[in-house]
């Protein structure tokens, strides 16, 4: 987009390179546990935090198991290939969740 976008929200922790997509004076929001990019061109860098909620996670997982909610699984590997799963996660070559089976 010419001139950049007003706001970028980075929930996946892709990182600071996305700040270049924000217009001068725009907003960059970091959600994942990654370092904040250095502010530049008047871009306001903000961090959003979350707290774990085991009960909510349990309800979400139950809904997924019952088919009420869907998630995209991009790759399934055995636990013995966890290093490969990590590499694939880092190089962003998988669209969707990476599942390790036991």
N, C-alpha and C. Protein backbone atom coordinates (compact mmCIF):
# COMPACT_ATOMS: atom_id res chain seq x y z
N UNK A 1 0.85 -1.17 0.00
CA UNK A 1 0.00 0.00 0.00
C UNK A 1 0.90 1.24 0.00
N UNK A 2 0.73 2.11 -0.96
CA UNK A 2 1.57 3.31 -1.01
C UNK A 2 1.44 4.12 0.28
N UNK A 3 2.57 4.49 0.85
CA UNK A 3 2.55 5.28 2.07
C UNK A 3 2.44 4.46 3.33
N UNK A 4 2.14 3.17 3.21
CA UNK A 4 2.03 2.29 4.38
C UNK A 4 0.62 2.23 4.95
N UNK A 5 0.45 1.33 5.90
CA UNK A 5 -0.85 1.13 6.54
C UNK A 5 -0.87 1.85 7.88
N UNK A 6 -2.07 2.10 8.40
CA UNK A 6 -2.21 2.81 9.67
C UNK A 6 -1.71 1.98 10.85
N UNK A 7 -2.03 0.67 10.84
CA UNK A 7 -1.72 -0.19 11.98
C UNK A 7 -1.29 -1.56 11.49
N UNK A 8 -0.24 -2.11 12.12
CA UNK A 8 0.12 -3.51 11.93
C UNK A 8 0.03 -4.18 13.29
N UNK A 9 -0.69 -5.30 13.37
CA UNK A 9 -0.75 -6.11 14.58
C UNK A 9 0.01 -7.38 14.27
N UNK A 10 1.04 -7.67 15.09
CA UNK A 10 1.92 -8.81 14.85
C UNK A 10 1.68 -9.88 15.92
N UNK A 11 0.64 -10.72 15.76
CA UNK A 11 0.36 -11.74 16.78
C UNK A 11 1.30 -12.93 16.71
N UNK A 12 1.97 -13.11 15.60
CA UNK A 12 2.82 -14.29 15.43
C UNK A 12 4.27 -14.03 15.76
N UNK A 13 4.61 -12.82 16.07
CA UNK A 13 6.00 -12.52 16.39
C UNK A 13 6.91 -12.55 15.18
N UNK A 14 6.37 -12.17 14.03
CA UNK A 14 7.19 -12.14 12.82
C UNK A 14 8.32 -11.14 12.99
N UNK A 15 8.02 -10.07 13.68
CA UNK A 15 9.09 -9.19 14.10
C UNK A 15 9.17 -7.85 13.44
N UNK A 16 10.30 -7.21 13.74
CA UNK A 16 10.51 -5.82 13.41
C UNK A 16 10.44 -5.46 11.95
N UNK A 17 10.69 -6.39 11.04
CA UNK A 17 10.64 -6.03 9.62
C UNK A 17 9.26 -5.53 9.20
N UNK A 18 8.23 -5.96 9.92
CA UNK A 18 6.88 -5.51 9.57
C UNK A 18 6.68 -4.03 9.85
N UNK A 19 7.51 -3.45 10.70
CA UNK A 19 7.34 -2.03 11.02
C UNK A 19 7.47 -1.17 9.76
N UNK A 20 8.18 -1.66 8.76
CA UNK A 20 8.35 -0.90 7.52
C UNK A 20 7.04 -0.80 6.73
N UNK A 21 6.06 -1.65 7.05
CA UNK A 21 4.77 -1.59 6.36
C UNK A 21 3.86 -0.51 6.94
N UNK A 22 4.24 0.04 8.11
CA UNK A 22 3.42 1.05 8.79
C UNK A 22 3.77 2.44 8.26
N UNK A 23 2.75 3.24 8.01
CA UNK A 23 2.98 4.61 7.55
C UNK A 23 3.68 5.41 8.64
N UNK A 24 4.33 6.47 8.25
CA UNK A 24 4.93 7.37 9.23
C UNK A 24 3.86 7.82 10.21
N UNK A 25 4.16 7.70 11.52
CA UNK A 25 3.20 8.11 12.55
C UNK A 25 2.14 7.06 12.84
N UNK A 26 2.21 5.87 12.21
CA UNK A 26 1.22 4.80 12.45
C UNK A 26 1.50 4.06 13.75
N UNK A 27 0.88 2.88 13.89
CA UNK A 27 1.00 2.09 15.11
C UNK A 27 1.41 0.66 14.76
N UNK A 28 2.35 0.12 15.54
CA UNK A 28 2.80 -1.27 15.40
C UNK A 28 2.54 -1.95 16.73
N UNK A 29 1.72 -3.03 16.73
CA UNK A 29 1.34 -3.71 17.96
C UNK A 29 2.00 -5.09 18.00
N UNK A 30 2.73 -5.36 19.10
CA UNK A 30 3.41 -6.64 19.31
C UNK A 30 2.60 -7.42 20.32
N UNK A 31 2.25 -8.68 19.98
CA UNK A 31 1.51 -9.53 20.91
C UNK A 31 2.38 -10.67 21.39
N UNK A 32 3.12 -11.29 20.52
CA UNK A 32 3.94 -12.45 20.87
C UNK A 32 5.11 -12.02 21.75
N UNK A 33 5.75 -13.00 22.36
CA UNK A 33 6.90 -12.73 23.23
C UNK A 33 8.15 -12.63 22.37
N UNK A 34 8.31 -11.50 21.74
CA UNK A 34 9.48 -11.19 20.92
C UNK A 34 9.92 -9.78 21.28
N UNK A 35 11.16 -9.44 21.01
CA UNK A 35 11.59 -8.06 21.31
C UNK A 35 10.81 -7.04 20.48
N UNK A 36 10.54 -5.90 21.08
CA UNK A 36 9.89 -4.82 20.34
C UNK A 36 10.86 -4.30 19.29
N UNK A 37 10.35 -3.99 18.10
CA UNK A 37 11.24 -3.35 17.13
C UNK A 37 11.56 -1.93 17.59
N UNK A 38 12.67 -1.40 17.15
CA UNK A 38 13.03 -0.03 17.48
C UNK A 38 12.05 0.92 16.79
N UNK A 39 11.49 1.87 17.53
CA UNK A 39 10.59 2.84 16.89
C UNK A 39 11.32 3.63 15.81
N UNK A 40 10.62 3.95 14.77
CA UNK A 40 11.19 4.75 13.69
C UNK A 40 10.09 5.55 13.02
N UNK A 41 10.43 6.63 12.39
CA UNK A 41 9.50 7.46 11.61
C UNK A 41 8.26 7.86 12.38
N UNK A 42 8.37 7.96 13.71
CA UNK A 42 7.21 8.34 14.52
C UNK A 42 6.21 7.22 14.72
N UNK A 43 6.57 5.97 14.35
CA UNK A 43 5.67 4.83 14.55
C UNK A 43 5.61 4.52 16.04
N UNK A 44 4.40 4.43 16.58
CA UNK A 44 4.16 4.13 17.99
C UNK A 44 4.17 2.61 18.17
N UNK A 45 5.18 2.06 18.85
CA UNK A 45 5.27 0.62 19.09
C UNK A 45 4.60 0.32 20.42
N UNK A 46 3.63 -0.58 20.40
CA UNK A 46 2.88 -0.95 21.62
C UNK A 46 2.95 -2.45 21.82
N UNK A 47 2.86 -2.90 23.07
CA UNK A 47 2.88 -4.32 23.40
C UNK A 47 1.56 -4.67 24.09
N UNK A 48 0.99 -5.79 23.66
CA UNK A 48 -0.21 -6.32 24.28
C UNK A 48 0.18 -7.65 24.93
N UNK A 49 -0.20 -7.84 26.18
CA UNK A 49 0.12 -9.07 26.89
C UNK A 49 -1.14 -9.88 27.16
N UNK A 50 -0.94 -11.15 27.37
CA UNK A 50 -2.06 -12.04 27.69
C UNK A 50 -1.68 -12.91 28.88
N UNK A 51 -2.66 -13.37 29.61
CA UNK A 51 -2.43 -14.28 30.71
C UNK A 51 -3.05 -15.63 30.37
N UNK A 52 -2.40 -16.69 30.83
CA UNK A 52 -2.93 -18.02 30.55
C UNK A 52 -4.22 -18.25 31.34
N UNK A 53 -5.10 -19.03 30.75
CA UNK A 53 -6.38 -19.37 31.38
C UNK A 53 -6.67 -20.82 31.02
N UNK A 54 -6.27 -21.72 31.90
CA UNK A 54 -6.42 -23.16 31.65
C UNK A 54 -7.85 -23.59 31.39
N UNK A 55 -8.80 -23.00 32.13
CA UNK A 55 -10.20 -23.38 31.95
C UNK A 55 -10.68 -22.98 30.55
N UNK A 56 -10.33 -21.78 30.12
CA UNK A 56 -10.73 -21.33 28.78
C UNK A 56 -10.07 -22.20 27.72
N UNK A 57 -8.79 -22.50 27.89
CA UNK A 57 -8.11 -23.36 26.92
C UNK A 57 -8.79 -24.72 26.85
N UNK A 58 -9.20 -25.26 27.98
CA UNK A 58 -9.91 -26.54 28.00
C UNK A 58 -11.21 -26.48 27.21
N UNK A 59 -11.96 -25.39 27.36
CA UNK A 59 -13.22 -25.23 26.61
C UNK A 59 -12.94 -25.11 25.11
N UNK A 60 -11.91 -24.37 24.76
CA UNK A 60 -11.57 -24.22 23.34
C UNK A 60 -11.18 -25.56 22.75
N UNK A 61 -10.34 -26.31 23.46
CA UNK A 61 -9.92 -27.63 22.96
C UNK A 61 -11.11 -28.58 22.84
N UNK A 62 -12.03 -28.52 23.80
CA UNK A 62 -13.23 -29.35 23.71
C UNK A 62 -14.06 -28.99 22.48
N UNK A 63 -14.19 -27.68 22.20
CA UNK A 63 -14.92 -27.23 21.01
C UNK A 63 -14.25 -27.71 19.73
N UNK A 64 -12.91 -27.70 19.70
CA UNK A 64 -12.19 -28.19 18.53
C UNK A 64 -12.44 -29.69 18.37
N UNK A 65 -12.35 -30.43 19.48
CA UNK A 65 -12.56 -31.89 19.43
C UNK A 65 -13.98 -32.22 18.99
N UNK A 66 -14.96 -31.40 19.38
CA UNK A 66 -16.36 -31.63 19.01
C UNK A 66 -16.71 -31.10 17.62
N UNK A 67 -15.77 -30.44 16.97
CA UNK A 67 -16.02 -29.89 15.65
C UNK A 67 -16.73 -28.55 15.65
N UNK A 68 -16.90 -27.94 16.83
CA UNK A 68 -17.56 -26.64 16.91
C UNK A 68 -16.64 -25.51 16.46
N UNK A 69 -15.35 -25.73 16.63
CA UNK A 69 -14.34 -24.77 16.18
C UNK A 69 -13.34 -25.54 15.33
N UNK A 70 -12.74 -24.82 14.36
CA UNK A 70 -11.76 -25.47 13.49
C UNK A 70 -10.42 -24.77 13.65
N UNK A 71 -9.37 -25.53 13.41
CA UNK A 71 -8.04 -24.96 13.36
C UNK A 71 -7.33 -25.54 12.15
N UNK A 72 -6.45 -24.79 11.59
CA UNK A 72 -5.72 -25.25 10.40
C UNK A 72 -4.44 -25.94 10.86
N UNK A 73 -4.31 -27.22 10.52
CA UNK A 73 -3.09 -27.97 10.79
C UNK A 73 -2.30 -28.02 9.49
N UNK A 74 -1.11 -27.43 9.52
CA UNK A 74 -0.30 -27.37 8.32
C UNK A 74 0.72 -28.49 8.22
N UNK A 75 1.08 -29.09 9.37
CA UNK A 75 2.11 -30.12 9.36
C UNK A 75 1.98 -30.96 10.62
N UNK A 76 2.05 -32.27 10.45
CA UNK A 76 2.06 -33.20 11.58
C UNK A 76 3.32 -34.04 11.49
N UNK A 77 4.08 -34.06 12.59
CA UNK A 77 5.33 -34.82 12.65
C UNK A 77 5.37 -35.59 13.96
N UNK A 78 6.12 -36.71 14.00
CA UNK A 78 6.31 -37.40 15.27
C UNK A 78 7.20 -36.56 16.19
N UNK A 79 7.04 -36.75 17.48
CA UNK A 79 7.82 -36.00 18.47
C UNK A 79 9.32 -36.13 18.22
N UNK A 80 9.74 -37.26 17.69
CA UNK A 80 11.17 -37.47 17.41
C UNK A 80 11.69 -36.48 16.37
N UNK A 81 10.80 -35.81 15.62
CA UNK A 81 11.21 -34.83 14.62
C UNK A 81 10.91 -33.40 15.08
N UNK A 82 10.95 -33.19 16.41
CA UNK A 82 10.67 -31.87 16.96
C UNK A 82 11.63 -30.81 16.44
N UNK A 83 12.90 -31.18 16.25
CA UNK A 83 13.87 -30.21 15.73
C UNK A 83 13.46 -29.74 14.34
N UNK A 84 13.00 -30.67 13.50
CA UNK A 84 12.55 -30.30 12.15
C UNK A 84 11.31 -29.41 12.24
N UNK A 85 10.40 -29.72 13.15
CA UNK A 85 9.22 -28.88 13.33
C UNK A 85 9.63 -27.46 13.72
N UNK A 86 10.60 -27.36 14.59
CA UNK A 86 11.08 -26.04 15.02
C UNK A 86 11.70 -25.29 13.84
N UNK A 87 12.51 -25.97 13.05
CA UNK A 87 13.10 -25.34 11.87
C UNK A 87 12.02 -24.83 10.92
N UNK A 88 11.01 -25.66 10.70
CA UNK A 88 9.93 -25.28 9.77
C UNK A 88 9.13 -24.09 10.33
N UNK A 89 8.98 -24.05 11.64
CA UNK A 89 8.31 -22.92 12.26
C UNK A 89 9.11 -21.64 12.07
N UNK A 90 10.42 -21.73 12.26
CA UNK A 90 11.28 -20.56 12.13
C UNK A 90 11.34 -20.03 10.70
N UNK A 91 11.30 -20.93 9.71
CA UNK A 91 11.41 -20.43 8.33
C UNK A 91 10.05 -20.09 7.71
N UNK A 92 9.00 -20.19 8.52
CA UNK A 92 7.64 -19.81 8.10
C UNK A 92 7.17 -20.54 6.85
N UNK A 93 7.61 -21.79 6.67
CA UNK A 93 7.23 -22.54 5.47
C UNK A 93 5.93 -23.31 5.65
N UNK A 94 5.35 -23.27 6.84
CA UNK A 94 4.12 -24.02 7.10
C UNK A 94 3.00 -23.03 7.40
N UNK A 95 1.89 -23.16 6.67
CA UNK A 95 0.70 -22.36 6.97
C UNK A 95 -0.19 -23.19 7.87
N UNK A 96 -0.43 -22.71 9.06
CA UNK A 96 -1.25 -23.44 10.03
C UNK A 96 -0.39 -23.93 11.18
N UNK A 97 -1.02 -24.68 12.05
CA UNK A 97 -0.36 -25.19 13.24
C UNK A 97 0.54 -26.36 12.89
N UNK A 98 1.59 -26.51 13.68
CA UNK A 98 2.46 -27.69 13.57
C UNK A 98 2.14 -28.56 14.77
N UNK A 99 1.77 -29.80 14.49
CA UNK A 99 1.38 -30.75 15.54
C UNK A 99 2.45 -31.83 15.65
N UNK A 100 2.87 -32.08 16.90
CA UNK A 100 3.81 -33.17 17.18
C UNK A 100 3.03 -34.30 17.82
N UNK A 101 3.16 -35.51 17.27
CA UNK A 101 2.44 -36.67 17.80
C UNK A 101 3.38 -37.50 18.66
N UNK A 102 2.79 -38.15 19.66
CA UNK A 102 3.55 -39.00 20.58
C UNK A 102 3.29 -40.45 20.24
